[in-house]
Protein backbone atom coordinates (compact mmCIF):
# COMPACT_ATOMS: atom_id res chain seq x y z
CA MET A 1 74.72 -89.49 -25.01
CA CYS A 2 72.97 -91.00 -22.02
CA SER A 3 70.84 -88.72 -19.87
CA LYS A 4 73.14 -89.27 -16.88
CA ASP A 5 75.50 -86.70 -18.32
CA PRO A 6 76.13 -84.10 -15.55
CA TYR A 7 75.94 -81.16 -17.96
CA PHE A 8 72.45 -82.28 -18.99
CA PHE A 9 71.39 -82.33 -15.34
CA GLN A 10 72.72 -78.81 -14.78
CA THR A 11 71.07 -77.47 -17.93
CA LEU A 12 67.80 -79.08 -16.97
CA ALA A 13 67.97 -77.66 -13.46
CA ASN A 14 68.64 -74.20 -14.86
CA ASP A 15 65.78 -74.48 -17.36
CA LEU A 16 63.31 -75.53 -14.69
CA GLY A 17 64.45 -72.78 -12.38
CA GLY A 18 64.52 -75.08 -9.37
CA SER A 19 61.59 -73.21 -7.87
CA THR A 20 58.66 -75.56 -8.30
CA ALA A 21 58.66 -77.13 -4.85
CA MET A 22 55.19 -78.02 -3.64
CA ASP A 23 53.63 -77.18 -0.33
CA SER A 24 51.48 -80.21 0.43
CA SER A 25 49.51 -78.26 3.03
CA SER A 26 48.09 -76.03 0.28
CA LEU A 27 46.59 -78.93 -1.66
CA PRO A 28 43.03 -80.10 -0.98
CA GLU A 29 42.52 -83.63 0.22
CA GLN A 30 41.22 -85.93 -2.50
CA GLU A 31 38.58 -88.54 -1.86
CA THR A 32 39.38 -91.98 -3.12
CA GLY A 33 37.12 -92.71 -6.07
CA ASN A 34 35.64 -96.13 -6.65
CA CYS A 35 36.08 -97.84 -10.00
CA THR A 36 33.09 -97.42 -12.29
CA SER A 37 34.33 -99.60 -15.16
CA GLU A 38 31.96 -102.31 -16.30
CA THR A 39 32.90 -105.64 -17.78
CA GLY A 40 31.86 -106.67 -21.25
CA SER A 41 32.84 -106.08 -24.85
CA VAL A 42 34.51 -102.87 -25.93
CA PRO A 43 32.00 -100.38 -27.45
CA ALA A 44 32.28 -99.89 -31.20
CA VAL A 45 33.41 -96.57 -32.65
CA THR A 46 30.05 -95.10 -33.66
CA GLU A 47 29.22 -92.19 -35.95
CA GLU A 48 28.53 -90.08 -32.84
CA VAL A 49 31.98 -90.84 -31.39
CA ARG A 50 33.68 -90.04 -34.69
CA LEU A 51 31.71 -86.80 -34.92
CA ARG A 52 32.70 -85.78 -31.38
CA ARG A 53 36.35 -86.51 -32.19
CA PHE A 54 36.07 -84.33 -35.28
CA LEU A 55 34.49 -81.53 -33.27
CA CYS A 56 37.11 -81.89 -30.52
CA TYR A 57 40.28 -81.92 -32.62
CA GLY A 58 39.38 -81.87 -36.33
CA SER A 59 39.85 -85.57 -37.09
CA GLU A 60 37.62 -88.62 -36.77
CA SER A 61 40.56 -90.96 -36.25
CA ALA A 62 41.85 -92.37 -32.97
CA THR A 63 44.93 -90.16 -33.32
CA TYR A 64 45.29 -86.64 -31.93
CA ARG A 65 48.11 -84.60 -33.49
CA ALA A 66 49.56 -81.58 -31.72
CA ARG A 67 50.69 -80.26 -35.10
CA GLU A 68 47.28 -79.17 -36.31
CA GLN A 69 45.95 -80.18 -39.70
CA ARG A 70 44.12 -77.06 -40.75
CA ASN A 71 42.32 -78.14 -43.93
CA LEU A 72 38.75 -79.17 -43.19
CA CYS A 73 36.93 -81.10 -45.90
CA LEU A 74 34.01 -83.47 -46.33
CA GLU A 75 36.33 -86.48 -46.33
CA ARG A 76 37.48 -85.62 -42.80
CA ALA A 77 33.89 -85.18 -41.61
CA SER A 78 32.30 -88.31 -43.06
CA SER A 79 30.37 -88.87 -39.83
CA VAL A 80 28.34 -85.73 -40.57
CA THR A 81 27.35 -86.88 -44.05
CA GLU A 82 26.59 -90.39 -42.77
CA LEU A 83 24.28 -89.08 -40.07
CA LEU A 84 22.57 -86.85 -42.63
CA ALA A 85 22.14 -89.76 -45.04
CA ALA A 86 20.56 -91.77 -42.21
CA GLY A 87 18.05 -89.00 -41.52
CA ARG A 88 19.79 -88.09 -38.26
CA GLY A 89 20.86 -84.57 -39.11
CA GLY A 90 19.07 -83.17 -36.07
CA GLU A 91 21.16 -85.41 -33.81
CA ALA A 92 24.33 -84.16 -35.51
CA VAL A 93 23.27 -80.55 -34.84
CA GLN A 94 22.74 -81.30 -31.15
CA GLU A 95 26.18 -82.92 -30.92
CA VAL A 96 27.71 -79.78 -32.47
CA ARG A 97 25.81 -77.56 -30.06
CA SER A 98 26.63 -79.55 -26.92
CA MET A 99 30.34 -79.92 -27.75
CA SER A 100 30.60 -76.18 -28.49
CA LEU A 101 28.84 -75.13 -25.30
CA ARG A 102 30.81 -77.47 -23.03
CA GLY A 103 34.14 -76.07 -24.25
CA GLY A 104 37.42 -77.95 -24.39
CA VAL A 105 37.51 -78.12 -28.18
CA ARG A 106 40.75 -77.33 -29.94
CA SER A 107 39.19 -74.68 -32.17
CA PRO A 108 35.67 -73.71 -33.28
CA GLY A 109 36.51 -74.52 -36.92
CA PRO A 110 35.23 -78.13 -37.03
CA ALA A 111 31.91 -77.21 -35.38
CA LEU A 112 31.39 -74.33 -37.81
CA PHE A 113 32.32 -76.56 -40.76
CA ALA A 114 29.87 -79.25 -39.59
CA LEU A 115 27.06 -76.68 -39.31
CA ALA A 116 27.90 -75.39 -42.79
CA VAL A 117 27.70 -78.94 -44.20
CA ILE A 118 24.35 -79.60 -42.51
CA SER A 119 22.95 -76.25 -43.65
CA GLN A 120 23.73 -77.17 -47.27
CA HIS A 121 21.84 -80.48 -47.10
CA SER A 122 18.39 -81.14 -48.54
CA ASP A 123 17.04 -82.20 -45.13
CA VAL A 124 14.88 -79.16 -44.32
CA GLU A 125 14.55 -79.94 -40.61
CA ALA A 126 18.31 -80.46 -40.22
CA LYS A 127 19.01 -77.18 -42.04
CA ARG A 128 16.56 -75.33 -39.83
CA ALA A 129 18.17 -76.84 -36.73
CA ALA A 130 21.68 -75.90 -37.94
CA TYR A 131 20.72 -72.27 -38.47
CA GLY A 132 18.82 -72.31 -35.21
CA VAL A 133 21.94 -73.01 -33.13
CA LEU A 134 24.22 -70.66 -35.09
CA LYS A 135 23.95 -67.87 -32.48
CA GLU A 136 25.03 -70.28 -29.73
CA VAL A 137 27.90 -71.91 -31.63
CA CYS A 138 29.27 -68.69 -33.16
CA THR A 139 30.36 -66.62 -30.18
CA SER A 140 32.42 -64.01 -32.05
CA PRO A 141 32.56 -62.24 -35.41
CA SER A 142 35.66 -64.26 -36.29
CA GLU A 143 33.64 -67.46 -35.99
CA LEU A 144 30.74 -66.00 -37.99
CA PHE A 145 33.14 -65.06 -40.79
CA SER A 146 34.56 -68.61 -40.73
CA PHE A 147 31.07 -70.12 -40.99
CA VAL A 148 30.21 -67.95 -43.99
CA GLN A 149 33.52 -68.84 -45.65
CA TYR A 150 32.86 -72.57 -45.18
CA LYS A 151 29.45 -72.03 -46.76
CA LYS A 152 31.11 -70.33 -49.71
CA GLU A 153 33.63 -73.14 -50.17
CA LEU A 154 30.94 -75.80 -50.04
CA SER A 155 28.74 -73.88 -52.48
CA GLY A 156 31.68 -73.44 -54.82
CA ALA A 157 32.16 -77.20 -54.87
CA GLY A 158 28.98 -77.54 -56.95
CA GLN A 159 26.39 -77.41 -54.17
CA ARG A 160 23.46 -75.03 -54.01
CA GLY A 161 23.98 -71.28 -53.73
CA MET A 162 24.65 -69.96 -50.28
CA TRP A 163 22.87 -66.63 -49.91
CA GLY A 164 19.32 -67.86 -49.71
CA ARG A 165 16.63 -66.64 -47.36
CA ALA A 166 17.68 -69.02 -44.55
CA LEU A 167 21.30 -67.82 -44.43
CA ARG A 168 20.30 -64.16 -44.70
CA LYS A 169 17.94 -64.57 -41.76
CA ALA A 170 20.50 -66.50 -39.69
CA VAL A 171 23.21 -63.87 -40.18
CA ALA A 172 20.79 -60.99 -39.52
CA ASP A 173 19.56 -62.74 -36.38
CA TRP A 174 23.15 -63.18 -35.20
CA TYR A 175 23.73 -59.40 -35.31
CA ASN A 176 20.30 -58.42 -34.02
CA GLY A 177 20.42 -60.98 -31.23
CA ARG A 178 23.45 -59.43 -29.57
CA ASP A 179 23.40 -56.68 -26.98
CA ALA A 180 24.10 -53.44 -28.88
CA LEU A 181 27.07 -52.43 -26.71
CA ARG A 182 28.53 -55.92 -27.03
CA LEU A 183 27.98 -55.73 -30.78
CA ALA A 184 29.87 -52.43 -30.90
CA HIS A 185 32.74 -54.12 -29.07
CA ASP A 186 32.70 -57.07 -31.47
CA VAL A 187 32.65 -55.13 -34.74
CA THR A 188 35.50 -52.88 -33.60
CA LYS A 189 37.65 -55.69 -32.18
CA CYS A 190 37.40 -58.01 -35.20
CA LYS A 191 36.63 -56.10 -38.39
CA ARG A 192 37.34 -58.74 -41.03
CA LYS A 193 38.63 -62.25 -41.59
CA GLY A 194 39.21 -64.51 -44.56
CA GLY A 195 38.09 -61.90 -47.07
CA TRP A 196 34.85 -61.10 -45.25
CA SER A 197 33.93 -57.93 -43.38
CA HIS A 198 30.93 -56.82 -41.34
CA GLN A 199 30.00 -54.47 -44.16
CA ASP A 200 29.83 -57.46 -46.53
CA LEU A 201 27.58 -59.45 -44.21
CA PHE A 202 25.28 -56.49 -43.43
CA ARG A 203 24.77 -55.97 -47.16
CA LEU A 204 24.37 -59.62 -48.17
CA ALA A 205 22.05 -60.42 -45.26
CA HIS A 206 19.85 -57.37 -46.04
CA LEU A 207 20.15 -56.52 -42.37
CA LYS A 208 17.29 -54.54 -40.84
CA PRO A 209 18.36 -53.38 -37.37
CA ALA A 210 16.15 -54.66 -34.55
CA ASN A 211 16.42 -51.42 -32.54
CA ASP A 212 17.93 -47.93 -32.58
CA ALA A 213 21.17 -48.95 -30.86
CA VAL A 214 21.86 -51.70 -33.42
CA ALA A 215 20.96 -49.20 -36.14
CA LEU A 216 23.76 -46.94 -34.85
CA VAL A 217 26.24 -49.84 -35.07
CA SER A 218 24.96 -50.60 -38.56
CA LYS A 219 25.57 -47.06 -39.72
CA TYR A 220 29.06 -47.13 -38.19
CA VAL A 221 29.89 -50.36 -40.03
CA THR A 222 28.43 -49.37 -43.39
CA LYS A 223 29.04 -45.59 -43.50
CA GLY A 224 31.83 -44.92 -41.00
CA TRP A 225 32.28 -42.74 -37.92
CA LYS A 226 31.89 -39.43 -39.74
CA ALA A 227 28.40 -40.41 -40.88
CA VAL A 228 27.53 -41.46 -37.32
CA GLN A 229 28.64 -38.08 -35.99
CA GLU A 230 26.59 -36.20 -38.58
CA THR A 231 23.50 -38.26 -37.80
CA TYR A 232 23.70 -38.64 -34.02
CA ALA A 233 25.82 -35.78 -32.63
CA ASP A 234 22.92 -33.39 -32.13
CA ARG A 235 20.13 -35.97 -31.93
CA GLU A 236 18.42 -36.82 -28.66
CA LYS A 237 19.55 -40.33 -27.73
CA THR A 238 18.11 -43.08 -25.60
CA GLU A 239 20.30 -44.56 -22.88
CA ASP A 240 21.26 -47.58 -25.00
CA VAL A 241 22.06 -45.45 -28.03
CA MET A 242 24.14 -43.09 -25.90
CA LYS A 243 26.21 -45.98 -24.50
CA VAL A 244 26.99 -47.25 -27.98
CA PHE A 245 27.79 -43.76 -29.28
CA VAL A 246 30.18 -43.02 -26.39
CA TYR A 247 31.89 -46.40 -26.82
CA LEU A 248 32.44 -45.95 -30.57
CA GLU A 249 33.68 -42.40 -29.92
CA ALA A 250 36.27 -43.82 -27.49
CA VAL A 251 37.38 -46.39 -30.07
CA GLU A 252 37.86 -43.67 -32.69
CA LYS A 253 39.77 -41.44 -30.28
CA THR A 254 42.06 -44.34 -29.40
CA LYS A 255 42.80 -44.95 -33.09
CA HIS A 256 43.78 -41.33 -33.73
CA SER A 257 45.36 -40.21 -30.47
CA SER A 258 49.12 -39.69 -30.16
CA ASP A 259 48.93 -39.21 -26.38
CA GLU A 260 49.63 -42.51 -24.61
CA LEU A 261 48.11 -41.24 -21.36
CA GLU A 262 44.86 -40.41 -23.14
CA VAL A 263 44.87 -43.84 -24.78
CA ALA A 264 45.48 -45.51 -21.41
CA HIS A 265 42.57 -43.55 -19.90
CA LEU A 266 40.25 -44.54 -22.76
CA VAL A 267 41.26 -48.20 -22.47
CA GLU A 268 40.63 -48.25 -18.73
CA GLU A 269 37.35 -46.29 -18.79
CA HIS A 270 35.73 -48.17 -21.68
CA LYS A 271 37.38 -51.59 -21.15
CA LEU A 272 38.98 -51.57 -24.58
CA GLU A 273 41.19 -54.50 -25.56
CA ARG A 274 44.55 -54.90 -27.21
CA GLU A 275 42.97 -55.15 -30.66
CA HIS A 276 41.56 -51.64 -30.24
CA VAL A 277 45.00 -50.14 -29.64
CA LEU A 278 47.51 -49.12 -32.31
CA THR A 279 50.78 -51.05 -32.44
CA LYS A 280 52.82 -47.98 -31.53
CA HIS A 281 50.92 -47.65 -28.24
CA LEU A 282 51.71 -51.23 -27.21
CA LYS A 283 55.18 -50.07 -26.17
CA SER A 284 53.68 -47.81 -23.52
CA ARG A 285 53.75 -48.88 -19.87
CA GLU A 286 50.65 -46.86 -19.12
CA VAL A 287 48.66 -48.46 -21.94
CA TRP A 288 49.69 -51.98 -20.86
CA LYS A 289 48.81 -51.23 -17.24
CA ALA A 290 45.35 -50.19 -18.39
CA LEU A 291 44.96 -53.29 -20.59
CA LEU A 292 46.05 -55.63 -17.80
CA LYS A 293 43.17 -54.58 -15.53
CA GLU A 294 40.63 -56.45 -17.69
CA MET A 295 42.95 -58.96 -19.37
CA SER A 296 42.37 -62.65 -18.61
CA VAL A 297 45.20 -64.72 -17.17
CA SER A 298 45.42 -66.86 -20.31
CA THR A 299 45.77 -63.78 -22.52
CA LEU A 300 48.35 -62.31 -20.16
CA LEU A 301 50.47 -65.48 -20.37
CA THR A 302 50.63 -65.22 -24.16
CA HIS A 303 51.93 -61.62 -24.01
CA LEU A 304 54.66 -61.99 -21.38
CA GLY A 305 57.38 -62.34 -24.00
CA LYS A 306 56.23 -59.29 -25.95
CA MET A 307 56.02 -57.17 -22.79
CA THR A 308 59.50 -58.27 -21.70
CA ALA A 309 60.96 -57.63 -25.17
CA ASP A 310 59.54 -54.08 -25.09
CA LYS A 311 61.30 -53.45 -21.73
CA LEU A 312 58.00 -53.08 -19.92
CA LEU A 313 58.86 -55.71 -17.30
CA GLY A 314 62.18 -54.73 -15.76
CA PRO A 315 63.74 -56.70 -12.87
CA GLY A 316 62.25 -55.62 -9.55
CA SER A 317 60.02 -52.93 -11.09
CA PRO A 318 56.51 -52.13 -9.78
CA ASP A 319 55.08 -53.13 -13.17
CA THR A 320 56.73 -56.54 -12.93
CA ALA A 321 55.45 -56.97 -9.39
CA ALA A 322 51.91 -56.18 -10.55
CA VAL A 323 52.12 -58.70 -13.39
CA CYS A 324 53.52 -61.36 -11.05
CA GLU A 325 50.64 -60.75 -8.68
CA ARG A 326 48.15 -61.23 -11.52
CA ILE A 327 49.83 -64.45 -12.65
CA GLN A 328 49.62 -65.90 -9.13
CA ASP A 329 46.08 -64.73 -8.39
CA GLU A 330 44.64 -67.98 -7.05
CA HIS A 331 41.05 -66.81 -7.34
CA ALA A 332 41.49 -65.84 -11.01
CA LEU A 333 43.26 -69.14 -11.77
CA GLN A 334 40.45 -71.12 -10.16
CA LYS A 335 37.71 -69.10 -11.82
CA ALA A 336 39.28 -69.66 -15.24
CA LYS A 337 39.92 -73.35 -14.38
CA THR A 338 43.46 -72.90 -15.62
CA HIS A 339 45.18 -76.25 -16.07
CA PRO A 340 48.71 -76.52 -14.64
CA LEU A 341 49.99 -77.81 -17.99
CA SER A 342 48.81 -74.60 -19.67
CA VAL A 343 50.90 -72.60 -17.19
CA LEU A 344 53.85 -74.95 -17.64
CA LEU A 345 53.81 -74.62 -21.43
CA ALA A 346 53.64 -70.81 -21.11
CA ALA A 347 56.48 -70.87 -18.57
CA GLU A 348 58.76 -73.06 -20.69
CA ASN A 349 58.08 -70.94 -23.77
CA TYR A 350 58.88 -67.79 -21.80
CA LYS A 351 62.13 -69.28 -20.47
CA ARG A 352 63.33 -69.91 -24.03
CA GLY A 353 63.50 -66.17 -24.66
CA HIS A 354 62.02 -66.28 -28.17
CA GLY A 355 58.74 -67.06 -29.90
CA LYS A 356 57.91 -69.98 -32.17
CA ARG A 357 57.83 -67.72 -35.19
CA GLY A 358 59.20 -64.33 -36.11
CA LYS A 359 62.18 -62.49 -34.68
CA LEU A 360 60.80 -61.56 -31.27
CA LYS A 361 63.39 -62.16 -28.53
CA TRP A 362 63.62 -61.26 -24.87
CA LYS A 363 65.72 -61.87 -21.79
CA PRO A 364 63.56 -63.87 -19.35
CA ASN A 365 62.81 -62.07 -16.11
CA ARG A 366 63.47 -64.31 -13.12
CA ASP A 367 60.62 -62.75 -11.12
CA ILE A 368 58.21 -63.73 -13.90
CA ILE A 369 59.64 -67.27 -14.01
CA GLN A 370 59.17 -67.69 -10.26
CA ALA A 371 55.60 -66.38 -10.52
CA LEU A 372 54.85 -68.89 -13.28
CA ASP A 373 56.29 -71.74 -11.20
CA SER A 374 54.11 -70.64 -8.30
CA ALA A 375 51.04 -70.47 -10.56
CA PHE A 376 51.75 -74.02 -11.77
CA CYS A 377 51.63 -75.26 -8.17
CA LYS A 378 48.41 -73.37 -7.42
CA CYS A 379 46.71 -74.76 -10.53
CA LEU A 380 47.27 -78.36 -9.44
CA SER A 381 44.17 -78.11 -7.29
CA ASN A 382 42.13 -77.09 -10.36
CA VAL A 383 42.38 -80.59 -11.85
CA GLU A 384 39.31 -82.62 -10.96
CA SER A 385 39.67 -86.32 -10.28
CA THR A 386 38.14 -88.71 -12.81
CA GLY A 387 37.76 -91.40 -10.15
CA LYS A 388 39.68 -93.85 -12.35
CA ARG A 389 42.66 -96.07 -11.53
CA PHE A 390 45.79 -95.10 -13.49
CA VAL A 391 49.12 -96.53 -14.53
CA VAL A 392 51.42 -93.94 -16.13
CA GLY A 393 54.33 -95.45 -18.06
CA VAL A 394 57.31 -93.28 -19.04
CA ASP A 395 59.61 -94.77 -21.67
CA VAL A 396 63.24 -94.18 -20.65
CA SER A 397 64.82 -96.25 -23.42
CA SER A 398 66.14 -93.06 -25.05
CA ARG A 399 67.17 -89.63 -23.84
CA LEU A 400 64.17 -87.52 -22.81
CA GLY A 401 65.84 -84.17 -23.51
CA SER A 402 64.31 -83.54 -26.96
CA VAL A 403 61.46 -81.09 -27.55
CA ALA A 404 57.85 -82.26 -27.71
CA LEU A 405 56.21 -81.72 -31.08
CA GLY A 406 53.72 -78.85 -30.92
CA SER A 407 55.53 -76.94 -28.15
CA LEU A 408 58.91 -75.66 -27.04
CA VAL A 409 58.93 -77.90 -23.96
CA SER A 410 61.30 -80.82 -23.43
CA THR A 411 59.74 -84.27 -23.43
CA VAL A 412 61.12 -85.03 -19.97
CA THR A 413 59.34 -81.97 -18.58
CA VAL A 414 56.07 -82.99 -20.24
CA ALA A 415 56.31 -86.54 -18.86
CA ALA A 416 57.24 -85.33 -15.38
CA ALA A 417 54.50 -82.72 -15.24
CA MET A 418 51.81 -85.11 -16.48
CA SER A 419 52.94 -87.73 -13.95
CA MET A 420 52.74 -85.10 -11.24
CA VAL A 421 49.28 -83.88 -12.29
CA ILE A 422 47.83 -87.39 -12.48
CA THR A 423 49.25 -88.55 -9.14
CA ARG A 424 48.04 -85.36 -7.42
CA SER A 425 44.50 -85.52 -8.84
CA GLU A 426 44.01 -89.29 -8.94
CA PRO A 427 44.40 -91.06 -5.56
CA ASN A 428 44.78 -94.48 -7.19
CA SER A 429 47.71 -94.14 -9.59
CA ASP A 430 51.16 -95.62 -10.24
CA VAL A 431 54.02 -94.15 -12.29
CA LEU A 432 56.45 -96.58 -13.95
CA LEU A 433 59.74 -96.03 -15.76
CA PHE A 434 60.23 -98.70 -18.39
CA SER A 435 62.54 -99.88 -21.14
CA GLU A 436 63.15 -103.26 -22.75
CA GLY A 437 62.84 -105.90 -20.07
CA ALA A 438 62.76 -103.50 -17.14
CA VAL A 439 60.03 -101.72 -15.18
CA VAL A 440 60.92 -99.43 -12.27
CA PRO A 441 58.20 -97.83 -10.09
CA CYS A 442 58.68 -94.10 -9.70
CA SER A 443 57.91 -92.74 -6.24
CA ILE A 444 56.05 -89.42 -6.30
CA SER A 445 55.04 -88.07 -2.93
CA ALA A 446 52.66 -85.24 -2.11
CA ASP A 447 55.58 -82.82 -1.62
CA SER A 448 57.66 -83.91 -4.63
CA SER A 449 58.66 -81.00 -6.83
CA LEU A 450 58.60 -81.00 -10.61
CA LEU A 451 62.40 -80.90 -10.62
CA GLN A 452 62.66 -83.93 -8.33
CA ILE A 453 60.28 -85.94 -10.48
CA THR A 454 62.16 -84.92 -13.61
CA MET A 455 65.44 -86.13 -12.13
CA GLN A 456 63.94 -89.55 -11.46
CA LEU A 457 62.90 -89.83 -15.09
CA VAL A 458 66.30 -89.01 -16.59
CA GLN A 459 68.47 -91.18 -14.36
CA VAL A 460 67.43 -94.43 -16.07
CA CYS A 461 68.77 -95.03 -19.58
CA SER A 462 68.41 -98.19 -21.68
CA SER A 463 68.24 -99.00 -25.38
CA TYR A 464 64.92 -100.38 -26.58
CA THR A 465 61.24 -99.55 -26.13
CA ASP A 466 58.53 -102.06 -25.28
CA CYS A 467 55.23 -100.26 -24.67
CA THR A 468 53.55 -103.44 -23.46
CA LEU A 469 55.60 -103.48 -20.24
CA PRO A 470 53.36 -101.21 -18.10
CA ILE A 471 50.35 -103.36 -18.99
CA THR A 472 52.26 -106.57 -18.34
CA TRP A 473 53.49 -105.18 -15.00
CA ALA A 474 49.91 -104.42 -13.95
CA SER A 475 48.80 -107.91 -14.92
CA GLU A 476 51.64 -109.65 -13.10
CA ASN A 477 51.11 -107.55 -9.97
CA ASP A 478 47.32 -107.98 -9.97
CA LYS A 479 46.77 -104.23 -10.38
CA MET A 480 43.25 -103.18 -11.31
CA VAL A 481 43.72 -100.37 -13.87
CA ASP A 482 41.13 -98.32 -15.74
CA VAL A 483 43.55 -96.17 -17.76
CA PHE A 484 47.09 -96.79 -19.02
CA VAL A 485 48.91 -93.63 -20.17
CA ILE A 486 52.26 -94.16 -21.88
CA PHE A 487 54.77 -91.44 -22.80
CA THR A 488 57.55 -92.22 -25.26
CA ASN A 489 60.05 -90.48 -27.53
CA ASN A 490 60.46 -93.34 -29.98
CA GLU A 491 58.61 -93.73 -33.25
CA THR A 492 59.01 -97.51 -33.43
CA TRP A 493 58.25 -100.21 -30.91
CA PRO A 494 60.45 -103.33 -31.25
CA GLY A 495 58.69 -105.02 -28.33
CA ARG A 496 57.90 -108.70 -28.52
CA SER A 497 54.14 -108.14 -28.58
CA ASN A 498 51.65 -105.51 -29.62
CA PRO A 499 50.31 -103.05 -26.95
CA ALA A 500 46.75 -103.39 -28.31
CA GLU A 501 46.85 -107.20 -28.04
CA THR A 502 48.45 -107.01 -24.60
CA LEU A 503 45.66 -104.69 -23.44
CA ARG A 504 43.01 -107.10 -24.72
CA THR A 505 44.65 -109.93 -22.81
CA TYR A 506 44.66 -107.77 -19.68
CA ARG A 507 40.98 -106.94 -20.18
CA GLN A 508 40.12 -110.61 -20.49
CA LYS A 509 42.03 -111.46 -17.33
CA THR A 510 40.61 -108.67 -15.16
CA GLY A 511 37.20 -108.08 -16.72
CA ILE A 512 37.94 -104.33 -16.81
CA LEU A 513 37.41 -102.29 -19.97
CA SER A 514 40.78 -100.61 -19.51
CA LYS A 515 41.75 -97.76 -21.81
CA LEU A 516 45.12 -97.15 -23.43
CA ILE A 517 46.63 -93.78 -24.35
CA VAL A 518 50.02 -93.76 -26.08
CA CYS A 519 51.66 -90.34 -26.41
CA GLY A 520 54.51 -90.26 -28.91
CA MET A 521 55.90 -86.89 -27.92
CA THR A 522 58.28 -86.37 -30.85
CA THR A 523 56.41 -87.89 -33.79
CA ASN A 524 53.61 -86.76 -36.09
CA SER A 525 52.76 -90.33 -37.10
CA LEU A 526 51.81 -93.07 -34.66
CA ASN A 527 50.19 -96.47 -35.27
CA VAL A 528 50.27 -98.27 -31.94
CA VAL A 529 46.62 -98.58 -30.96
CA ASP A 530 43.74 -100.32 -32.72
CA PRO A 531 41.72 -97.56 -34.50
CA ASP A 532 38.54 -99.66 -34.27
CA ASP A 533 38.80 -99.98 -30.50
CA GLN A 534 37.03 -97.07 -28.80
CA GLY A 535 39.19 -97.63 -25.72
CA MET A 536 42.50 -96.77 -27.41
CA LEU A 537 43.99 -93.40 -28.41
CA ASP A 538 47.24 -92.29 -30.06
CA ILE A 539 48.65 -88.82 -29.35
CA CYS A 540 51.36 -87.29 -31.52
CA GLY A 541 53.30 -84.48 -29.84
CA PHE A 542 51.98 -82.42 -26.94
CA ASP A 543 50.32 -79.01 -26.83
CA SER A 544 48.00 -76.98 -24.61
CA HIS A 545 44.93 -78.89 -25.79
CA THR A 546 46.33 -82.38 -25.20
CA VAL A 547 45.21 -82.52 -21.57
CA SER A 548 41.60 -81.79 -22.62
CA VAL A 549 41.73 -84.54 -25.23
CA ILE A 550 43.05 -87.01 -22.66
CA ARG A 551 40.34 -86.16 -20.14
CA ASP A 552 37.55 -86.28 -22.75
CA PHE A 553 38.80 -89.68 -23.88
CA ILE A 554 38.93 -91.02 -20.33
CA MET A 555 35.42 -89.71 -19.59
CA ASP A 556 33.95 -91.31 -22.76
CA VAL A 557 33.25 -88.00 -24.51
CA ILE A 558 35.34 -88.96 -27.55
């Protein structure tokens, strides 16, 4: 069925809520950036680039998959072993450290795995460097447990034993290097993971507490709260020890209290988090109100469905109004650098009324939907310009109503939102609708709404895909382009020529080292770009991390 079907239009309009109109006066003026591309040959894909790709999304290939491949192994991190073999283990450690500190990685797993590999190697300096950055790379107990598990798996594969002096010291330093009150928060929020617990690590690392406050946490972890009470209840305490004692006491009271008002008071006074609260108390309005005061916007967005399902967010209620105010808090959105696509994905998931897994269902609250649409608009100004010249090509050879792999969002919504974000943040950009033999420029003005852009995308319907057309259009119209971004639903490309070859021809003609990103939104396998060309990237599906991958690729990080 062609996308011109009126029922499809109505359904789409209902799904989008029709409330994403933009106020151009609220958007900051963007300065036109000059092109910084240099002519010359395309840089080779080096070990450093492959390592940064691995650290960014768990694969060294030129393909990012929204459906995550969870198994990390030496074969997928060959760049690490190659750098170690070349005596460049220290450089690998610094890449791990810098990528972890800058953020934007899909998960900490690859960085922790890379450090575990380096720490197992015979290069003494590289091992020392790997352990030396462990405190910076591991920011939570969950990550420390993962690192230790990777060490165990690598040791079990026939490598040297893991609990030597260096690992014991590194783990002990991790605990002793944290502020005691923060450590109390960490050990009570995340108690175990992957078969490891804090008690295990304290014992295996032969931990000797660095001060009295850490000693209190150590006794709590190894002996329990009753032993802490017996030892510290009547003892004179320093200020730091008292803070830790009072915090742990609040955690224990929260675990055993049946009074939701008392739990709410403890949460608010001691800044406890959801993980500290029993499941039965998460149906309490008072407890949620207390949790929301310190909850980040990103965490709040993930819990909207649960809160609605538990009848905590009724239509027109004060609680709903408070949550809507938090969602639209422009200062908080800017401080967190929330990307509009992150809000959009959360909004579309919320509108569906059910989670990806499990049986959780809810009736979407229209006030929440409108707040999310408003937050999307406000976050547009959070996207920093790259200063590059863009052509965005949207393949309209097939219906764009299917769901993007890795999310619950329709492909037409993804394409429209990305087109909107790029044109708002990049002054020099064109959006094209294309199918076999046809290229139609898509007009997106400063006050175009997401719904209006979406309607432009679905009104053209053809039969075949030719992903070379946006590049050819740029060449024929003498457009100077730094980045081509192509969105398509199809898994095959029956075009007359190859996109990679067409891009090389364009580069030769213009002298610009243009980059090509092809996003196959419904496939988990894509082979369009040249994997040996550092200026080409395949994307399979679309998830909340995709926008970070695209930006890092454009800015030569990966």
